[in-house]
């Protein structure tokens, strides 16, 4: 299994200037840098797809998407998995779940799970697809809930893992990139108060962007 193989960005990583890439005008003044260009993201997702198919082998895989932030990674990962399963007896089934934990860039301290009551996972291979793992507490709670459904095997694929003091040292079986915890990342469907999902690149929001797109009312994002 490809456990603990991922690309690590050091704490002093500066990323790329937004001036080198095409960014929507309304976001240009709100980004600190381009952390990971879209082309690199796609190449990494392709490799993760190959690793997943090789590790799971034959049989059925239930791929569970964590909404909303995970949908782009989920979609691209599935498209690439389908290429690698062409010569294998693998059936892929899809399902969805939603986690609520963040307001602006601060954790609310509580976690709500939506859509996990009607899942048929007993005796099946399950792959949970997530966008960002922060402290690791949310995904571990989700795994506990999913294990109550008695799956045969359950693994996690996360596009990003944040390196923070609060991190429980949890690492998913499949991880695209490990990034510094100080960075609040957006783009590639990862949001800040529902903004920035439409960016193709993975970027870092600056302080002005947090103020510009911040909100005092409760708005859900999907980082954990």
Protein backbone atom coordinates (compact mmCIF):
# COMPACT_ATOMS: atom_id res chain seq x y z
CA UNK A 1 0.00 0.00 0.00
CA UNK A 2 1.14 3.57 -0.72
CA UNK A 3 0.82 4.59 2.95
CA UNK A 4 2.60 7.82 3.95
CA UNK A 5 3.85 8.63 0.46
CA UNK A 6 3.10 12.25 -0.26
CA UNK A 7 4.70 15.51 -1.35
CA UNK A 8 5.74 17.71 1.59
CA UNK A 9 5.95 21.50 1.37
CA UNK A 10 8.31 22.98 4.04
CA UNK A 11 7.23 25.71 6.45
CA UNK A 12 9.20 28.35 4.52
CA UNK A 13 7.67 27.47 1.16
CA UNK A 14 6.61 30.68 -0.61
CA UNK A 15 4.62 29.30 -3.52
CA UNK A 16 4.26 31.12 -6.85
CA UNK A 17 3.33 34.73 -7.50
CA UNK A 18 -0.27 35.22 -8.64
CA UNK A 19 1.18 37.34 -11.46
CA UNK A 20 2.41 34.17 -13.17
CA UNK A 21 -1.08 32.66 -13.56
CA UNK A 22 -4.57 33.57 -14.73
CA UNK A 23 -6.67 34.44 -11.68
CA UNK A 24 -10.24 35.84 -11.67
CA UNK A 25 -10.06 39.61 -11.18
CA UNK A 26 -12.15 39.57 -8.02
CA UNK A 27 -9.60 37.33 -6.30
CA UNK A 28 -6.32 38.88 -7.45
CA UNK A 29 -5.87 41.12 -4.38
CA UNK A 30 -6.98 38.42 -1.94
CA UNK A 31 -4.35 35.74 -2.50
CA UNK A 32 -0.95 35.44 -0.86
CA UNK A 33 0.35 32.98 -3.47
CA UNK A 34 -0.38 30.07 -5.76
CA UNK A 35 0.53 27.13 -3.56
CA UNK A 36 0.07 24.30 -6.08
CA UNK A 37 -0.63 24.98 -9.78
CA UNK A 38 -3.51 23.02 -11.29
CA UNK A 39 -1.27 20.97 -13.59
CA UNK A 40 0.70 19.58 -10.64
CA UNK A 41 -2.55 18.83 -8.81
CA UNK A 42 -3.82 16.81 -11.78
CA UNK A 43 -0.60 14.83 -12.14
CA UNK A 44 -0.63 13.98 -8.42
CA UNK A 45 -4.30 12.95 -8.51
CA UNK A 46 -3.53 10.62 -11.40
CA UNK A 47 -0.85 8.85 -9.38
CA UNK A 48 -3.16 8.54 -6.37
CA UNK A 49 -5.80 6.98 -8.62
CA UNK A 50 -3.31 4.38 -9.84
CA UNK A 51 -2.18 3.56 -6.29
CA UNK A 52 -5.77 3.18 -5.08
CA UNK A 53 -6.78 0.82 -7.89
CA UNK A 54 -3.65 -1.29 -7.40
CA UNK A 55 -4.15 -1.51 -3.63
CA UNK A 56 -7.86 -2.37 -3.66
CA UNK A 57 -7.47 -4.94 -6.42
CA UNK A 58 -10.59 -6.69 -7.72
CA UNK A 59 -14.12 -6.31 -6.41
CA UNK A 60 -16.41 -3.45 -5.50
CA UNK A 61 -15.26 -0.12 -4.09
CA UNK A 62 -17.71 2.30 -2.47
CA UNK A 63 -16.21 5.77 -2.95
CA UNK A 64 -17.63 8.18 -0.38
CA UNK A 65 -17.23 11.88 -1.15
CA UNK A 66 -17.08 14.42 1.68
CA UNK A 67 -18.97 17.50 0.44
CA UNK A 68 -18.60 20.28 -0.48
CA UNK A 69 -14.85 20.82 -0.64
CA UNK A 70 -14.04 17.29 -1.73
CA UNK A 71 -16.18 17.23 -4.87
CA UNK A 72 -13.53 18.40 -7.35
CA UNK A 73 -10.88 16.03 -6.03
CA UNK A 74 -13.52 13.29 -5.93
CA UNK A 75 -14.58 13.88 -9.54
CA UNK A 76 -11.05 14.02 -10.94
CA UNK A 77 -9.94 11.02 -8.87
CA UNK A 78 -12.87 8.94 -10.14
CA UNK A 79 -12.21 9.89 -13.77
CA UNK A 80 -8.61 8.75 -13.42
CA UNK A 81 -9.51 5.60 -11.48
CA UNK A 82 -11.81 4.56 -14.34
CA UNK A 83 -8.83 4.53 -16.69
CA UNK A 84 -6.87 2.17 -14.43
CA UNK A 85 -9.77 -0.24 -13.78
CA UNK A 86 -10.41 -0.95 -17.46
CA UNK A 87 -8.47 -4.23 -17.31
CA UNK A 88 -9.63 -5.16 -13.80
CA UNK A 89 -12.85 -6.61 -12.40
CA UNK A 90 -13.60 -3.55 -10.31
CA UNK A 91 -17.03 -2.01 -9.74
CA UNK A 92 -17.14 1.53 -8.37
CA UNK A 93 -20.18 2.79 -6.45
CA UNK A 94 -20.63 6.37 -5.27
CA UNK A 95 -22.11 7.98 -2.19
CA UNK A 96 -21.91 11.31 -0.39
CA UNK A 97 -21.63 12.76 3.09
CA UNK A 98 -21.25 16.28 4.46
CA UNK A 99 -19.32 17.53 7.48
CA UNK A 100 -19.86 20.91 9.14
CA UNK A 101 -17.06 22.24 11.30
CA UNK A 102 -15.68 25.67 10.30
CA UNK A 103 -16.78 29.29 10.29
CA UNK A 104 -14.43 31.73 8.57
CA UNK A 105 -10.93 30.35 9.35
CA UNK A 106 -11.69 29.23 12.91
CA UNK A 107 -13.10 25.88 14.04
CA UNK A 108 -16.48 26.07 15.76
CA UNK A 109 -15.32 23.26 18.03
CA UNK A 110 -18.25 21.04 17.04
CA UNK A 111 -18.73 18.61 14.18
CA UNK A 112 -22.00 17.74 12.46
CA UNK A 113 -22.27 14.75 10.10
CA UNK A 114 -25.02 14.84 7.50
CA UNK A 115 -26.05 11.96 5.26
CA UNK A 116 -24.42 9.02 7.03
CA UNK A 117 -27.57 7.26 8.20
CA UNK A 118 -28.58 5.46 5.01
CA UNK A 119 -25.24 4.13 3.82
CA UNK A 120 -24.94 0.49 2.76
CA UNK A 121 -21.32 -0.32 3.59
CA UNK A 122 -21.47 -3.67 5.37
CA UNK A 123 -18.86 -6.10 4.06
CA UNK A 124 -17.66 -3.64 1.39
CA UNK A 125 -14.42 -1.90 0.54
CA UNK A 126 -14.83 1.82 1.26
CA UNK A 127 -12.74 4.79 0.17
CA UNK A 128 -13.47 8.15 1.83
CA UNK A 129 -12.43 11.12 -0.32
CA UNK A 130 -11.71 14.38 1.53
CA UNK A 131 -10.22 17.73 0.55
CA UNK A 132 -8.24 18.81 3.63
CA UNK A 133 -7.28 17.13 6.90
CA UNK A 134 -6.31 19.65 9.56
CA UNK A 135 -6.21 18.36 13.15
CA UNK A 136 -7.33 14.87 12.12
CA UNK A 137 -10.07 14.81 14.75
CA UNK A 138 -12.96 15.15 12.32
CA UNK A 139 -11.83 12.40 9.98
CA UNK A 140 -11.22 10.09 12.92
CA UNK A 141 -14.75 10.74 14.15
CA UNK A 142 -16.07 10.04 10.67
CA UNK A 143 -14.09 6.78 10.52
CA UNK A 144 -15.62 5.76 13.83
CA UNK A 145 -19.10 6.42 12.47
CA UNK A 146 -18.37 4.57 9.23
CA UNK A 147 -16.97 1.55 11.09
CA UNK A 148 -20.37 1.19 12.75
CA UNK A 149 -21.61 0.19 9.28
CA UNK A 150 -19.19 -2.81 9.39
CA UNK A 151 -17.29 -2.30 6.12
CA UNK A 152 -14.81 -4.96 5.00
CA UNK A 153 -12.08 -2.37 4.58
CA UNK A 154 -12.03 1.42 4.88
CA UNK A 155 -9.34 3.81 3.69
CA UNK A 156 -9.04 7.58 3.27
CA UNK A 157 -7.76 9.69 0.38
CA UNK A 158 -7.17 13.36 1.17
CA UNK A 159 -5.83 15.89 -1.28
CA UNK A 160 -4.15 17.91 1.47
CA UNK A 161 -2.95 17.32 5.02
CA UNK A 162 -2.05 20.32 7.18
CA UNK A 163 0.99 20.15 9.44
CA UNK A 164 -0.18 21.78 12.69
CA UNK A 165 0.53 21.61 16.42
CA UNK A 166 -3.02 20.37 16.92
CA UNK A 167 -2.60 17.57 14.40
CA UNK A 168 -3.14 14.15 15.96
CA UNK A 169 -0.41 12.70 13.69
CA UNK A 170 -3.15 11.01 11.70
CA UNK A 171 -2.19 10.44 8.08
CA UNK A 172 -4.56 8.97 5.50
CA UNK A 173 -3.59 5.99 3.39
CA UNK A 174 -3.57 8.25 0.33
CA UNK A 175 -2.44 11.87 0.50
CA UNK A 176 -1.61 14.32 -2.25
CA UNK A 177 0.33 17.01 -0.42
CA UNK A 178 1.33 17.96 3.14
CA UNK A 179 1.24 21.75 3.62
CA UNK A 180 2.18 24.10 6.49
CA UNK A 181 -0.61 24.58 8.99
CA UNK A 182 -0.25 28.38 8.93
CA UNK A 183 -1.66 28.45 5.41
CA UNK A 184 -5.40 28.79 4.86
CA UNK A 185 -5.78 27.14 1.48
CA UNK A 186 -8.51 27.65 -1.11
CA UNK A 187 -9.26 26.73 -4.69
CA UNK A 188 -9.91 23.45 -6.48
CA UNK A 189 -13.34 23.45 -4.73
CA UNK A 190 -11.85 24.26 -1.31
CA UNK A 191 -13.59 27.37 -0.02
CA UNK A 192 -13.39 30.25 2.39
CA UNK A 193 -16.99 31.14 3.33
CA UNK A 194 -18.14 29.61 0.02
CA UNK A 195 -15.75 31.78 -2.05
CA UNK A 196 -12.71 30.65 -4.07
CA UNK A 197 -14.16 27.24 -5.02
CA UNK A 198 -13.96 28.28 -8.69
CA UNK A 199 -10.16 28.67 -8.66
CA UNK A 200 -8.35 25.94 -10.61
CA UNK A 201 -5.15 26.27 -8.59
CA UNK A 202 -4.70 25.62 -4.87
CA UNK A 203 -3.95 29.04 -3.35
CA UNK A 204 -3.37 30.72 0.01
CA UNK A 205 -5.72 33.50 1.19
CA UNK A 206 -4.07 36.67 2.52
CA UNK A 207 -5.34 38.78 5.43
CA UNK A 208 -7.12 41.19 3.12
CA UNK A 209 -8.93 38.27 1.47
CA UNK A 210 -10.08 36.94 4.84
CA UNK A 211 -11.49 40.36 5.69
CA UNK A 212 -13.03 40.91 2.26
CA UNK A 213 -14.78 37.55 2.11
CA UNK A 214 -15.28 36.96 5.83
CA UNK A 215 -18.68 36.77 7.48
CA UNK A 216 -20.01 37.03 11.01
CA UNK A 217 -22.87 34.68 10.28
CA UNK A 218 -22.42 30.94 10.29
CA UNK A 219 -21.23 29.59 6.94
CA UNK A 220 -20.05 26.01 6.51
CA UNK A 221 -16.73 24.95 5.02
CA UNK A 222 -15.29 21.49 4.90
CA UNK A 223 -11.84 21.49 6.40
CA UNK A 224 -11.00 19.25 9.28
